[in-house]
Amino acid sequence: MTTTLYLVRHGETMGNRVRRYQPYDTPLTDEGRAQARLVAARLAEEGPFAALYASDLTRTLETAAAIGEQLGLRLVPDPRLRELDCGDWKGVLYTEIEARFPGHRERWIAAGGLERLPGPEGESTTDVHARVTAAFNEYVTRHAGGRVILVSHGWALGMLLAAIEDVHYADAFREQRYQFGNTSVTIVEVDNGGVRRCSLRNCTRHLVVAAGNEGSP
């Protein structure tokens, strides 16, 4: 008996487009909404699915809502799937971080994100790793033998996939080992002995096909 989890990153936001540390709750762009419809159509061809979970932030809820409507699934928000909270960096362009926080970004990355970011809401990779893996393990138990969709965020999915592949999340973050495109699909299979395997990683073929190109990145 195999439990299959589809990990989906949200569609494009303006923060993604201009390379800004996201204001924590931000909507999709028109392009992001189009991407959400495309990944929903793709998943409709790969179902059926037992459940649909998403981070409770607007960009993930919008993406998941398109999927739920297409597949006839009830969307269940779960704050454990949220992105790493960037604290005082929220809303700041990548290029502005050095001027506002000299040397901090480089030290943070070099340390694997283990330091909490500045501000009362700032998180570390340890914080994100703990909550996303707890959610994942709960879904595997709850939906044993079924197929489940999780809609989350780039860094959050990176922490989760690192855990699934027994890579330390700090190393994965430091090396930027796990990258996810907007509405990318990553598939993880868990057998009844608990052995986990990633059978598809960061696939955006639904966007490639829609653009009229060949190939499946």
N, C-alpha and C. Protein backbone atom coordinates (compact mmCIF):
# COMPACT_ATOMS: atom_id res chain seq x y z
N MET A 1 0.85 -1.19 0.00
CA MET A 1 0.00 0.00 0.00
C MET A 1 0.88 1.24 0.00
N THR A 2 0.68 2.12 -0.95
CA THR A 2 1.49 3.32 -1.09
C THR A 2 0.62 4.56 -0.93
N THR A 3 1.09 5.50 -0.13
CA THR A 3 0.45 6.81 0.00
C THR A 3 1.22 7.79 -0.86
N THR A 4 0.52 8.52 -1.70
CA THR A 4 1.17 9.42 -2.65
C THR A 4 0.77 10.86 -2.35
N LEU A 5 1.78 11.71 -2.21
CA LEU A 5 1.54 13.12 -1.91
C LEU A 5 2.08 13.99 -3.03
N TYR A 6 1.23 14.84 -3.55
CA TYR A 6 1.60 15.80 -4.58
C TYR A 6 1.89 17.14 -3.91
N LEU A 7 3.13 17.59 -3.99
CA LEU A 7 3.53 18.86 -3.39
C LEU A 7 3.52 19.93 -4.48
N VAL A 8 2.70 20.95 -4.30
CA VAL A 8 2.52 21.98 -5.32
C VAL A 8 2.90 23.34 -4.74
N ARG A 9 3.76 24.06 -5.45
CA ARG A 9 4.04 25.43 -5.03
C ARG A 9 2.96 26.36 -5.60
N HIS A 10 2.70 27.45 -4.92
CA HIS A 10 1.69 28.41 -5.36
C HIS A 10 2.07 29.07 -6.69
N GLY A 11 1.09 29.72 -7.32
CA GLY A 11 1.34 30.46 -8.55
C GLY A 11 2.11 31.75 -8.30
N GLU A 12 2.44 32.42 -9.39
CA GLU A 12 3.28 33.62 -9.32
C GLU A 12 2.60 34.76 -8.53
N THR A 13 3.41 35.46 -7.75
CA THR A 13 3.00 36.69 -7.08
C THR A 13 3.89 37.82 -7.59
N MET A 14 3.52 39.05 -7.29
CA MET A 14 4.37 40.17 -7.69
C MET A 14 5.71 40.11 -6.98
N GLY A 15 5.73 39.63 -5.75
CA GLY A 15 6.99 39.47 -5.04
C GLY A 15 7.93 38.52 -5.76
N ASN A 16 7.40 37.42 -6.30
CA ASN A 16 8.22 36.51 -7.10
C ASN A 16 8.79 37.22 -8.32
N ARG A 17 7.96 38.01 -8.95
CA ARG A 17 8.34 38.65 -10.21
C ARG A 17 9.48 39.65 -10.03
N VAL A 18 9.43 40.44 -8.97
CA VAL A 18 10.45 41.49 -8.77
C VAL A 18 11.52 41.07 -7.77
N ARG A 19 11.47 39.83 -7.27
CA ARG A 19 12.44 39.29 -6.32
C ARG A 19 12.44 40.12 -5.03
N ARG A 20 11.31 40.04 -4.36
CA ARG A 20 11.10 40.73 -3.10
C ARG A 20 10.77 39.70 -2.02
N TYR A 21 11.34 39.87 -0.82
CA TYR A 21 10.89 39.04 0.28
C TYR A 21 9.42 39.35 0.51
N GLN A 22 8.60 38.33 0.38
CA GLN A 22 7.16 38.54 0.28
C GLN A 22 6.59 39.25 1.51
N PRO A 23 5.75 40.30 1.27
CA PRO A 23 4.84 40.65 2.34
C PRO A 23 4.11 39.35 2.69
N TYR A 24 3.94 39.05 3.97
CA TYR A 24 3.63 37.66 4.32
C TYR A 24 2.39 37.12 3.63
N ASP A 25 1.39 37.96 3.47
CA ASP A 25 0.16 37.50 2.82
C ASP A 25 -0.06 38.33 1.57
N THR A 26 0.11 37.74 0.41
CA THR A 26 0.05 38.47 -0.85
C THR A 26 -0.69 37.65 -1.90
N PRO A 27 -1.45 38.28 -2.78
CA PRO A 27 -2.24 37.54 -3.76
C PRO A 27 -1.43 37.12 -4.98
N LEU A 28 -2.03 36.30 -5.82
CA LEU A 28 -1.43 35.92 -7.09
C LEU A 28 -1.56 37.07 -8.09
N THR A 29 -0.64 37.10 -9.06
CA THR A 29 -0.80 37.97 -10.21
C THR A 29 -1.78 37.31 -11.18
N ASP A 30 -2.14 38.02 -12.25
CA ASP A 30 -2.98 37.40 -13.28
C ASP A 30 -2.29 36.18 -13.86
N GLU A 31 -0.97 36.27 -14.04
CA GLU A 31 -0.21 35.12 -14.53
C GLU A 31 -0.27 33.98 -13.53
N GLY A 32 -0.17 34.29 -12.24
CA GLY A 32 -0.26 33.27 -11.21
C GLY A 32 -1.59 32.56 -11.20
N ARG A 33 -2.67 33.32 -11.43
CA ARG A 33 -3.99 32.69 -11.48
C ARG A 33 -4.13 31.79 -12.71
N ALA A 34 -3.53 32.21 -13.82
CA ALA A 34 -3.54 31.35 -15.01
C ALA A 34 -2.75 30.08 -14.76
N GLN A 35 -1.60 30.20 -14.07
CA GLN A 35 -0.81 29.02 -13.72
C GLN A 35 -1.61 28.07 -12.83
N ALA A 36 -2.36 28.63 -11.89
CA ALA A 36 -3.16 27.80 -10.99
C ALA A 36 -4.20 27.00 -11.76
N ARG A 37 -4.82 27.63 -12.75
CA ARG A 37 -5.81 26.90 -13.57
C ARG A 37 -5.14 25.78 -14.36
N LEU A 38 -3.92 26.04 -14.83
CA LEU A 38 -3.21 25.03 -15.62
C LEU A 38 -2.80 23.83 -14.76
N VAL A 39 -2.30 24.09 -13.56
CA VAL A 39 -1.91 22.95 -12.71
C VAL A 39 -3.15 22.20 -12.25
N ALA A 40 -4.27 22.91 -12.07
CA ALA A 40 -5.52 22.24 -11.70
C ALA A 40 -5.96 21.29 -12.80
N ALA A 41 -5.87 21.74 -14.05
CA ALA A 41 -6.25 20.88 -15.18
C ALA A 41 -5.34 19.67 -15.26
N ARG A 42 -4.06 19.88 -14.99
CA ARG A 42 -3.12 18.74 -15.01
C ARG A 42 -3.46 17.73 -13.93
N LEU A 43 -3.72 18.19 -12.72
CA LEU A 43 -4.01 17.28 -11.62
C LEU A 43 -5.33 16.55 -11.84
N ALA A 44 -6.27 17.20 -12.51
CA ALA A 44 -7.54 16.55 -12.81
C ALA A 44 -7.34 15.31 -13.67
N GLU A 45 -6.28 15.30 -14.47
CA GLU A 45 -5.98 14.14 -15.32
C GLU A 45 -5.27 13.04 -14.55
N GLU A 46 -4.77 13.35 -13.34
CA GLU A 46 -3.95 12.40 -12.59
C GLU A 46 -4.67 11.85 -11.37
N GLY A 47 -5.88 12.33 -11.10
CA GLY A 47 -6.63 11.91 -9.92
C GLY A 47 -7.10 10.47 -10.03
N PRO A 48 -7.99 10.06 -9.11
CA PRO A 48 -8.63 10.88 -8.07
C PRO A 48 -7.73 11.10 -6.85
N PHE A 49 -8.11 12.10 -6.06
CA PHE A 49 -7.38 12.44 -4.85
C PHE A 49 -8.32 12.38 -3.65
N ALA A 50 -7.72 12.07 -2.50
CA ALA A 50 -8.51 11.94 -1.28
C ALA A 50 -8.68 13.24 -0.54
N ALA A 51 -7.70 14.16 -0.68
CA ALA A 51 -7.76 15.38 0.13
C ALA A 51 -6.88 16.46 -0.49
N LEU A 52 -7.18 17.71 -0.12
CA LEU A 52 -6.45 18.88 -0.59
C LEU A 52 -6.17 19.78 0.61
N TYR A 53 -4.89 19.97 0.92
CA TYR A 53 -4.46 20.85 2.01
C TYR A 53 -3.65 22.00 1.43
N ALA A 54 -3.71 23.16 2.10
CA ALA A 54 -2.93 24.31 1.64
C ALA A 54 -2.56 25.19 2.82
N SER A 55 -1.43 25.85 2.71
CA SER A 55 -1.12 26.95 3.61
C SER A 55 -2.28 27.93 3.61
N ASP A 56 -2.49 28.59 4.73
CA ASP A 56 -3.63 29.49 4.84
C ASP A 56 -3.32 30.93 4.40
N LEU A 57 -2.25 31.12 3.64
CA LEU A 57 -1.94 32.44 3.08
C LEU A 57 -2.64 32.60 1.73
N THR A 58 -2.89 33.84 1.34
CA THR A 58 -3.73 34.11 0.17
C THR A 58 -3.21 33.45 -1.10
N ARG A 59 -1.91 33.51 -1.36
CA ARG A 59 -1.38 32.98 -2.62
C ARG A 59 -1.56 31.47 -2.74
N THR A 60 -1.45 30.77 -1.61
CA THR A 60 -1.66 29.32 -1.64
C THR A 60 -3.14 28.98 -1.67
N LEU A 61 -3.94 29.74 -0.94
CA LEU A 61 -5.38 29.49 -0.96
C LEU A 61 -5.96 29.72 -2.35
N GLU A 62 -5.50 30.77 -3.05
CA GLU A 62 -5.98 31.01 -4.40
C GLU A 62 -5.60 29.87 -5.34
N THR A 63 -4.36 29.41 -5.22
CA THR A 63 -3.90 28.30 -6.05
C THR A 63 -4.69 27.04 -5.75
N ALA A 64 -4.85 26.74 -4.47
CA ALA A 64 -5.56 25.53 -4.06
C ALA A 64 -7.04 25.60 -4.41
N ALA A 65 -7.63 26.80 -4.35
CA ALA A 65 -9.04 26.94 -4.69
C ALA A 65 -9.30 26.55 -6.14
N ALA A 66 -8.39 26.94 -7.03
CA ALA A 66 -8.53 26.56 -8.43
C ALA A 66 -8.45 25.04 -8.59
N ILE A 67 -7.55 24.41 -7.83
CA ILE A 67 -7.42 22.95 -7.87
C ILE A 67 -8.67 22.28 -7.30
N GLY A 68 -9.13 22.77 -6.17
CA GLY A 68 -10.31 22.18 -5.55
C GLY A 68 -11.54 22.27 -6.42
N GLU A 69 -11.70 23.41 -7.09
CA GLU A 69 -12.86 23.58 -7.96
C GLU A 69 -12.80 22.60 -9.13
N GLN A 70 -11.61 22.44 -9.71
CA GLN A 70 -11.45 21.55 -10.86
C GLN A 70 -11.64 20.09 -10.48
N LEU A 71 -11.18 19.71 -9.29
CA LEU A 71 -11.20 18.31 -8.88
C LEU A 71 -12.37 17.96 -7.98
N GLY A 72 -13.17 18.94 -7.59
CA GLY A 72 -14.28 18.67 -6.69
C GLY A 72 -13.84 18.30 -5.29
N LEU A 73 -12.74 18.92 -4.83
CA LEU A 73 -12.20 18.62 -3.50
C LEU A 73 -12.44 19.79 -2.56
N ARG A 74 -12.70 19.48 -1.31
CA ARG A 74 -12.82 20.51 -0.28
C ARG A 74 -11.43 20.94 0.16
N LEU A 75 -11.17 22.23 0.12
CA LEU A 75 -9.89 22.78 0.52
C LEU A 75 -9.81 22.89 2.04
N VAL A 76 -8.74 22.33 2.61
CA VAL A 76 -8.52 22.39 4.06
C VAL A 76 -7.28 23.25 4.32
N PRO A 77 -7.44 24.47 4.86
CA PRO A 77 -6.27 25.30 5.17
C PRO A 77 -5.51 24.74 6.37
N ASP A 78 -4.18 24.85 6.33
CA ASP A 78 -3.34 24.38 7.43
C ASP A 78 -2.18 25.36 7.58
N PRO A 79 -2.15 26.15 8.65
CA PRO A 79 -1.09 27.14 8.83
C PRO A 79 0.30 26.54 8.96
N ARG A 80 0.39 25.24 9.23
CA ARG A 80 1.72 24.60 9.32
C ARG A 80 2.42 24.58 7.97
N LEU A 81 1.67 24.76 6.89
CA LEU A 81 2.26 24.75 5.55
C LEU A 81 2.68 26.14 5.09
N ARG A 82 2.63 27.13 5.98
CA ARG A 82 3.03 28.49 5.61
C ARG A 82 4.51 28.59 5.25
N GLU A 83 4.82 29.68 4.53
CA GLU A 83 6.22 29.99 4.21
C GLU A 83 6.95 30.46 5.45
N LEU A 84 8.27 30.38 5.42
CA LEU A 84 9.11 30.94 6.46
C LEU A 84 8.78 32.43 6.61
N ASP A 85 8.49 32.86 7.82
CA ASP A 85 8.18 34.27 8.06
C ASP A 85 9.49 35.05 8.11
N CYS A 86 9.63 36.02 7.19
CA CYS A 86 10.88 36.77 7.05
C CYS A 86 11.01 37.93 8.04
N GLY A 87 10.08 38.06 8.95
CA GLY A 87 10.19 39.09 9.98
C GLY A 87 10.31 40.49 9.38
N ASP A 88 11.35 41.22 9.80
CA ASP A 88 11.54 42.59 9.34
C ASP A 88 11.96 42.68 7.88
N TRP A 89 12.26 41.55 7.26
CA TRP A 89 12.62 41.57 5.83
C TRP A 89 11.40 41.55 4.93
N LYS A 90 10.23 41.35 5.50
CA LYS A 90 9.02 41.25 4.67
C LYS A 90 8.84 42.53 3.84
N GLY A 91 8.61 42.33 2.54
CA GLY A 91 8.36 43.44 1.64
C GLY A 91 9.60 44.11 1.10
N VAL A 92 10.79 43.64 1.47
CA VAL A 92 12.05 44.27 1.05
C VAL A 92 12.62 43.55 -0.17
N LEU A 93 13.05 44.30 -1.18
CA LEU A 93 13.68 43.71 -2.36
C LEU A 93 14.98 43.02 -1.96
N TYR A 94 15.32 41.95 -2.66
CA TYR A 94 16.57 41.26 -2.39
C TYR A 94 17.74 42.24 -2.45
N THR A 95 17.71 43.13 -3.44
CA THR A 95 18.82 44.08 -3.63
C THR A 95 18.92 45.12 -2.53
N GLU A 96 17.85 45.29 -1.75
CA GLU A 96 17.86 46.28 -0.67
C GLU A 96 18.29 45.72 0.68
N ILE A 97 18.31 44.40 0.77
CA ILE A 97 18.62 43.77 2.05
C ILE A 97 20.00 44.18 2.57
N GLU A 98 21.01 44.18 1.70
CA GLU A 98 22.37 44.48 2.15
C GLU A 98 22.47 45.89 2.70
N ALA A 99 21.81 46.85 2.05
CA ALA A 99 21.86 48.23 2.52
C ALA A 99 21.17 48.39 3.88
N ARG A 100 20.08 47.66 4.07
CA ARG A 100 19.30 47.82 5.30
C ARG A 100 19.81 46.94 6.44
N PHE A 101 20.36 45.78 6.07
CA PHE A 101 20.85 44.82 7.07
C PHE A 101 22.24 44.34 6.63
N PRO A 102 23.27 45.19 6.73
CA PRO A 102 24.59 44.86 6.18
C PRO A 102 25.13 43.52 6.66
N GLY A 103 25.45 42.65 5.70
CA GLY A 103 26.07 41.36 5.99
C GLY A 103 25.16 40.31 6.57
N HIS A 104 23.97 40.68 6.95
CA HIS A 104 23.10 39.74 7.67
C HIS A 104 22.62 38.62 6.77
N ARG A 105 22.21 38.96 5.55
CA ARG A 105 21.68 37.93 4.65
C ARG A 105 22.73 36.86 4.35
N GLU A 106 23.97 37.29 4.10
CA GLU A 106 25.03 36.33 3.79
C GLU A 106 25.32 35.43 4.98
N ARG A 107 25.34 36.00 6.17
CA ARG A 107 25.60 35.19 7.37
C ARG A 107 24.45 34.22 7.61
N TRP A 108 23.25 34.68 7.37
CA TRP A 108 22.07 33.83 7.58
C TRP A 108 22.08 32.63 6.65
N ILE A 109 22.34 32.86 5.38
CA ILE A 109 22.38 31.76 4.41
C ILE A 109 23.53 30.81 4.74
N ALA A 110 24.71 31.37 5.04
CA ALA A 110 25.88 30.54 5.34
C ALA A 110 25.64 29.64 6.54
N ALA A 111 24.79 30.09 7.46
CA ALA A 111 24.47 29.30 8.66
C ALA A 111 23.28 28.37 8.43
N GLY A 112 22.82 28.27 7.20
CA GLY A 112 21.72 27.36 6.89
C GLY A 112 20.36 27.87 7.35
N GLY A 113 20.25 29.19 7.56
CA GLY A 113 18.97 29.75 7.98
C GLY A 113 18.59 29.39 9.41
N LEU A 114 19.56 28.93 10.20
CA LEU A 114 19.24 28.46 11.55
C LEU A 114 18.95 29.61 12.52
N GLU A 115 19.39 30.82 12.19
CA GLU A 115 19.09 31.99 13.01
C GLU A 115 17.71 32.52 12.65
N ARG A 116 16.92 32.85 13.64
CA ARG A 116 15.62 33.48 13.36
C ARG A 116 15.86 34.85 12.75
N LEU A 117 15.08 35.19 11.73
CA LEU A 117 15.21 36.49 11.11
C LEU A 117 14.73 37.58 12.05
N PRO A 118 15.22 38.81 11.87
CA PRO A 118 14.92 39.88 12.83
C PRO A 118 13.44 40.23 12.89
N GLY A 119 13.02 40.66 14.06
CA GLY A 119 11.63 41.02 14.25
C GLY A 119 10.91 39.96 15.06
N PRO A 120 9.84 40.32 15.74
CA PRO A 120 9.13 39.38 16.62
C PRO A 120 8.51 38.20 15.89
N GLU A 121 8.23 38.33 14.59
CA GLU A 121 7.60 37.25 13.85
C GLU A 121 8.59 36.42 13.04
N GLY A 122 9.87 36.83 13.03
CA GLY A 122 10.85 36.15 12.20
C GLY A 122 11.05 34.69 12.59
N GLU A 123 11.21 33.83 11.58
CA GLU A 123 11.40 32.40 11.80
C GLU A 123 12.77 31.95 11.31
N SER A 124 13.11 30.73 11.65
CA SER A 124 14.31 30.07 11.16
C SER A 124 13.91 28.84 10.35
N THR A 125 14.88 28.24 9.67
CA THR A 125 14.58 27.01 8.94
C THR A 125 14.18 25.89 9.90
N THR A 126 14.68 25.92 11.12
CA THR A 126 14.29 24.92 12.12
C THR A 126 12.80 25.00 12.41
N ASP A 127 12.29 26.22 12.54
CA ASP A 127 10.86 26.42 12.80
C ASP A 127 10.01 25.84 11.67
N VAL A 128 10.40 26.16 10.44
CA VAL A 128 9.62 25.72 9.28
C VAL A 128 9.70 24.20 9.13
N HIS A 129 10.91 23.66 9.27
CA HIS A 129 11.10 22.21 9.16
C HIS A 129 10.19 21.47 10.13
N ALA A 130 10.12 21.94 11.37
CA ALA A 130 9.33 21.24 12.39
C ALA A 130 7.85 21.20 12.02
N ARG A 131 7.31 22.32 11.58
CA ARG A 131 5.87 22.34 11.34
C ARG A 131 5.47 21.66 10.04
N VAL A 132 6.29 21.80 8.97
CA VAL A 132 5.87 21.16 7.71
C VAL A 132 6.02 19.65 7.77
N THR A 133 7.05 19.16 8.48
CA THR A 133 7.19 17.70 8.58
C THR A 133 6.11 17.10 9.47
N ALA A 134 5.70 17.84 10.50
CA ALA A 134 4.60 17.36 11.35
C ALA A 134 3.32 17.23 10.54
N ALA A 135 3.05 18.23 9.69
CA ALA A 135 1.85 18.17 8.85
C ALA A 135 1.93 17.00 7.88
N PHE A 136 3.07 16.85 7.23
CA PHE A 136 3.26 15.77 6.25
C PHE A 136 3.02 14.41 6.90
N ASN A 137 3.64 14.16 8.04
CA ASN A 137 3.51 12.87 8.71
C ASN A 137 2.05 12.60 9.11
N GLU A 138 1.36 13.65 9.51
CA GLU A 138 -0.05 13.49 9.88
C GLU A 138 -0.89 13.11 8.66
N TYR A 139 -0.62 13.73 7.52
CA TYR A 139 -1.39 13.42 6.30
C TYR A 139 -1.14 11.99 5.84
N VAL A 140 0.11 11.54 5.95
CA VAL A 140 0.44 10.17 5.54
C VAL A 140 -0.35 9.16 6.37
N THR A 141 -0.44 9.40 7.67
CA THR A 141 -1.19 8.51 8.55
C THR A 141 -2.69 8.58 8.27
N ARG A 142 -3.19 9.79 8.11
CA ARG A 142 -4.63 9.99 7.94
C ARG A 142 -5.14 9.44 6.62
N HIS A 143 -4.31 9.50 5.58
CA HIS A 143 -4.75 9.11 4.24
C HIS A 143 -3.95 7.94 3.71
N ALA A 144 -3.63 6.99 4.58
CA ALA A 144 -2.82 5.84 4.19
C ALA A 144 -3.41 5.14 2.97
N GLY A 145 -2.58 4.96 1.95
CA GLY A 145 -3.00 4.29 0.73
C GLY A 145 -3.68 5.21 -0.26
N GLY A 146 -3.86 6.49 0.10
CA GLY A 146 -4.55 7.43 -0.78
C GLY A 146 -3.59 8.39 -1.47
N ARG A 147 -4.17 9.37 -2.18
CA ARG A 147 -3.42 10.38 -2.90
C ARG A 147 -3.88 11.75 -2.39
N VAL A 148 -2.90 12.57 -2.00
CA VAL A 148 -3.19 13.83 -1.32
C VAL A 148 -2.42 14.96 -2.01
N ILE A 149 -3.03 16.14 -2.07
CA ILE A 149 -2.37 17.33 -2.63
C ILE A 149 -2.06 18.30 -1.49
N LEU A 150 -0.81 18.80 -1.46
CA LEU A 150 -0.38 19.83 -0.52
C LEU A 150 0.06 21.05 -1.33
N VAL A 151 -0.53 22.20 -1.05
CA VAL A 151 -0.12 23.44 -1.73
C VAL A 151 0.61 24.32 -0.73
N SER A 152 1.86 24.61 -1.02
CA SER A 152 2.69 25.35 -0.05
C SER A 152 3.61 26.32 -0.79
N HIS A 153 4.79 26.57 -0.22
CA HIS A 153 5.68 27.64 -0.66
C HIS A 153 7.09 27.10 -0.92
N GLY A 154 7.90 27.91 -1.60
CA GLY A 154 9.22 27.45 -2.01
C GLY A 154 10.12 26.98 -0.89
N TRP A 155 10.36 27.82 0.11
CA TRP A 155 11.24 27.42 1.20
C TRP A 155 10.60 26.33 2.04
N ALA A 156 9.31 26.43 2.29
CA ALA A 156 8.63 25.41 3.10
C ALA A 156 8.73 24.04 2.43
N LEU A 157 8.51 24.00 1.12
CA LEU A 157 8.63 22.73 0.39
C LEU A 157 10.07 22.24 0.39
N GLY A 158 11.03 23.17 0.34
CA GLY A 158 12.43 22.77 0.39
C GLY A 158 12.78 22.08 1.70
N MET A 159 12.28 22.63 2.81
CA MET A 159 12.52 22.01 4.12
C MET A 159 11.87 20.64 4.19
N LEU A 160 10.68 20.52 3.60
CA LEU A 160 9.97 19.24 3.64
C LEU A 160 10.67 18.19 2.80
N LEU A 161 11.05 18.54 1.57
CA LEU A 161 11.69 17.55 0.71
C LEU A 161 13.05 17.15 1.24
N ALA A 162 13.76 18.08 1.87
CA ALA A 162 15.03 17.72 2.50
C ALA A 162 14.81 16.64 3.54
N ALA A 163 13.78 16.81 4.36
CA ALA A 163 13.49 15.81 5.39
C ALA A 163 13.13 14.47 4.76
N ILE A 164 12.34 14.51 3.71
CA ILE A 164 11.92 13.28 3.04
C ILE A 164 13.11 12.52 2.48
N GLU A 165 14.11 13.25 1.99
CA GLU A 165 15.28 12.63 1.38
C GLU A 165 16.45 12.51 2.36
N ASP A 166 16.18 12.71 3.65
CA ASP A 166 17.19 12.58 4.71
C ASP A 166 18.39 13.48 4.48
N VAL A 167 18.14 14.68 3.99
CA VAL A 167 19.15 15.73 3.87
C VAL A 167 18.89 16.73 4.98
N HIS A 168 19.93 17.16 5.69
CA HIS A 168 19.68 18.12 6.76
C HIS A 168 19.18 19.42 6.15
N TYR A 169 18.12 19.94 6.72
CA TYR A 169 17.47 21.11 6.13
C TYR A 169 18.39 22.32 6.08
N ALA A 170 19.31 22.45 7.02
CA ALA A 170 20.25 23.58 6.99
C ALA A 170 21.20 23.46 5.81
N ASP A 171 21.66 22.23 5.53
CA ASP A 171 22.53 22.02 4.37
C ASP A 171 21.79 22.29 3.08
N ALA A 172 20.54 21.81 3.01
CA ALA A 172 19.74 22.03 1.81
C ALA A 172 19.52 23.52 1.57
N PHE A 173 19.27 24.27 2.64
CA PHE A 173 19.03 25.70 2.51
C PHE A 173 20.30 26.43 2.13
N ARG A 174 21.41 26.09 2.76
CA ARG A 174 22.69 26.76 2.50
C ARG A 174 23.11 26.59 1.05
N GLU A 175 22.89 25.39 0.52
CA GLU A 175 23.30 25.08 -0.86
C GLU A 175 22.22 25.39 -1.88
N GLN A 176 21.06 25.89 -1.39
CA GLN A 176 19.93 26.15 -2.29
C GLN A 176 19.64 24.91 -3.14
N ARG A 177 19.63 23.76 -2.47
CA ARG A 177 19.56 22.48 -3.16
C ARG A 177 18.18 22.19 -3.74
N TYR A 178 17.16 22.74 -3.11
CA TYR A 178 15.80 22.45 -3.58
C TYR A 178 15.15 23.74 -4.07
N GLN A 179 14.90 23.80 -5.36
CA GLN A 179 14.26 24.94 -5.99
C GLN A 179 12.93 24.49 -6.59
N PHE A 180 11.91 25.33 -6.50
CA PHE A 180 10.59 24.96 -7.00
C PHE A 180 10.02 26.12 -7.81
N GLY A 181 9.62 25.84 -9.05
CA GLY A 181 8.97 26.84 -9.87
C GLY A 181 7.53 27.05 -9.43
N ASN A 182 6.96 28.17 -9.84
CA ASN A 182 5.55 28.43 -9.52
C ASN A 182 4.65 27.36 -10.11
N THR A 183 3.78 26.83 -9.31
CA THR A 183 2.85 25.72 -9.58
C THR A 183 3.57 24.44 -9.99
N SER A 184 4.84 24.30 -9.64
CA SER A 184 5.54 23.04 -9.92
C SER A 184 4.90 21.91 -9.11
N VAL A 185 5.04 20.69 -9.65
CA VAL A 185 4.50 19.49 -9.01
C VAL A 185 5.66 18.58 -8.63
N THR A 186 5.70 18.19 -7.38
CA THR A 186 6.68 17.22 -6.88
C THR A 186 5.89 16.08 -6.25
N ILE A 187 6.24 14.84 -6.58
CA ILE A 187 5.48 13.69 -6.10
C ILE A 187 6.34 12.87 -5.14
N VAL A 188 5.79 12.59 -3.97
CA VAL A 188 6.46 11.78 -2.96
C VAL A 188 5.59 10.57 -2.66
N GLU A 189 6.20 9.39 -2.65
CA GLU A 189 5.50 8.15 -2.35
C GLU A 189 6.02 7.56 -1.04
N VAL A 190 5.10 7.12 -0.20
CA VAL A 190 5.45 6.52 1.09
C VAL A 190 4.83 5.14 1.15
N ASP A 191 5.67 4.10 1.30
CA ASP A 191 5.10 2.75 1.35
C ASP A 191 4.67 2.41 2.77
N ASN A 192 4.06 1.22 2.94
CA ASN A 192 3.48 0.91 4.25
C ASN A 192 4.55 0.63 5.31
N GLY A 193 5.80 0.56 4.89
CA GLY A 193 6.90 0.44 5.84
C GLY A 193 7.49 1.79 6.22
N GLY A 194 6.94 2.86 5.64
CA GLY A 194 7.43 4.20 5.94
C GLY A 194 8.56 4.68 5.05
N VAL A 195 8.95 3.84 4.06
CA VAL A 195 10.03 4.25 3.14
C VAL A 195 9.49 5.32 2.19
N ARG A 196 10.21 6.44 2.07
CA ARG A 196 9.76 7.58 1.27
C ARG A 196 10.63 7.72 0.03
N ARG A 197 9.98 8.06 -1.08
CA ARG A 197 10.70 8.20 -2.34
C ARG A 197 10.10 9.34 -3.14
N CYS A 198 10.97 10.21 -3.65
CA CYS A 198 10.51 11.29 -4.53
C CYS A 198 10.57 10.78 -5.96
N SER A 199 9.41 10.64 -6.59
CA SER A 199 9.36 10.09 -7.95
C SER A 199 9.28 11.15 -9.03
N LEU A 200 9.02 12.39 -8.65
CA LEU A 200 8.97 13.50 -9.61
C LEU A 200 9.30 14.77 -8.85
N ARG A 201 10.16 15.60 -9.44
CA ARG A 201 10.63 16.79 -8.73
C ARG A 201 10.46 18.04 -9.59
N ASN A 202 9.81 19.05 -9.04
CA ASN A 202 9.77 20.38 -9.63
C ASN A 202 9.34 20.35 -11.10
N CYS A 203 8.28 19.64 -11.40
CA CYS A 203 7.83 19.49 -12.78
C CYS A 203 6.81 20.58 -13.13
N THR A 204 7.09 21.32 -14.19
CA THR A 204 6.18 22.38 -14.65
C THR A 204 5.78 22.14 -16.11
N ARG A 205 5.63 20.89 -16.49
CA ARG A 205 5.31 20.60 -17.89
C ARG A 205 3.97 21.19 -18.30
N HIS A 206 3.06 21.37 -17.36
CA HIS A 206 1.77 21.97 -17.70
C HIS A 206 1.93 23.40 -18.18
N LEU A 207 2.95 24.11 -17.68
CA LEU A 207 3.22 25.47 -18.15
C LEU A 207 3.93 25.45 -19.49
N VAL A 208 4.81 24.49 -19.67
CA VAL A 208 5.55 24.37 -20.93
C VAL A 208 4.59 24.04 -22.08
N VAL A 209 3.71 23.08 -21.84
CA VAL A 209 2.75 22.69 -22.86
C VAL A 209 1.84 23.87 -23.22
N ALA A 210 1.41 24.59 -22.20
CA ALA A 210 0.51 25.73 -22.44
C ALA A 210 1.20 26.82 -23.25
N ALA A 211 2.54 26.94 -23.10
CA ALA A 211 3.28 27.95 -23.84
C ALA A 211 3.57 27.50 -25.26
N GLY A 212 3.21 26.26 -25.60
CA GLY A 212 3.40 25.77 -26.97
C GLY A 212 4.80 25.26 -27.24
N ASN A 213 5.55 24.95 -26.15
CA ASN A 213 6.89 24.41 -26.30
C ASN A 213 6.89 22.91 -26.05
N GLU A 214 7.99 22.29 -26.42
CA GLU A 214 8.14 20.86 -26.17
C GLU A 214 9.04 20.66 -24.96
N GLY A 215 8.90 19.49 -24.37
CA GLY A 215 9.77 19.16 -23.25
C GLY A 215 9.00 19.13 -21.95
N SER A 216 9.66 18.63 -20.93
CA SER A 216 9.03 18.50 -19.61
C SER A 216 10.07 18.76 -18.54
N PRO A 217 10.27 20.04 -18.14
CA PRO A 217 11.31 20.34 -17.15
C PRO A 217 10.99 19.72 -15.80
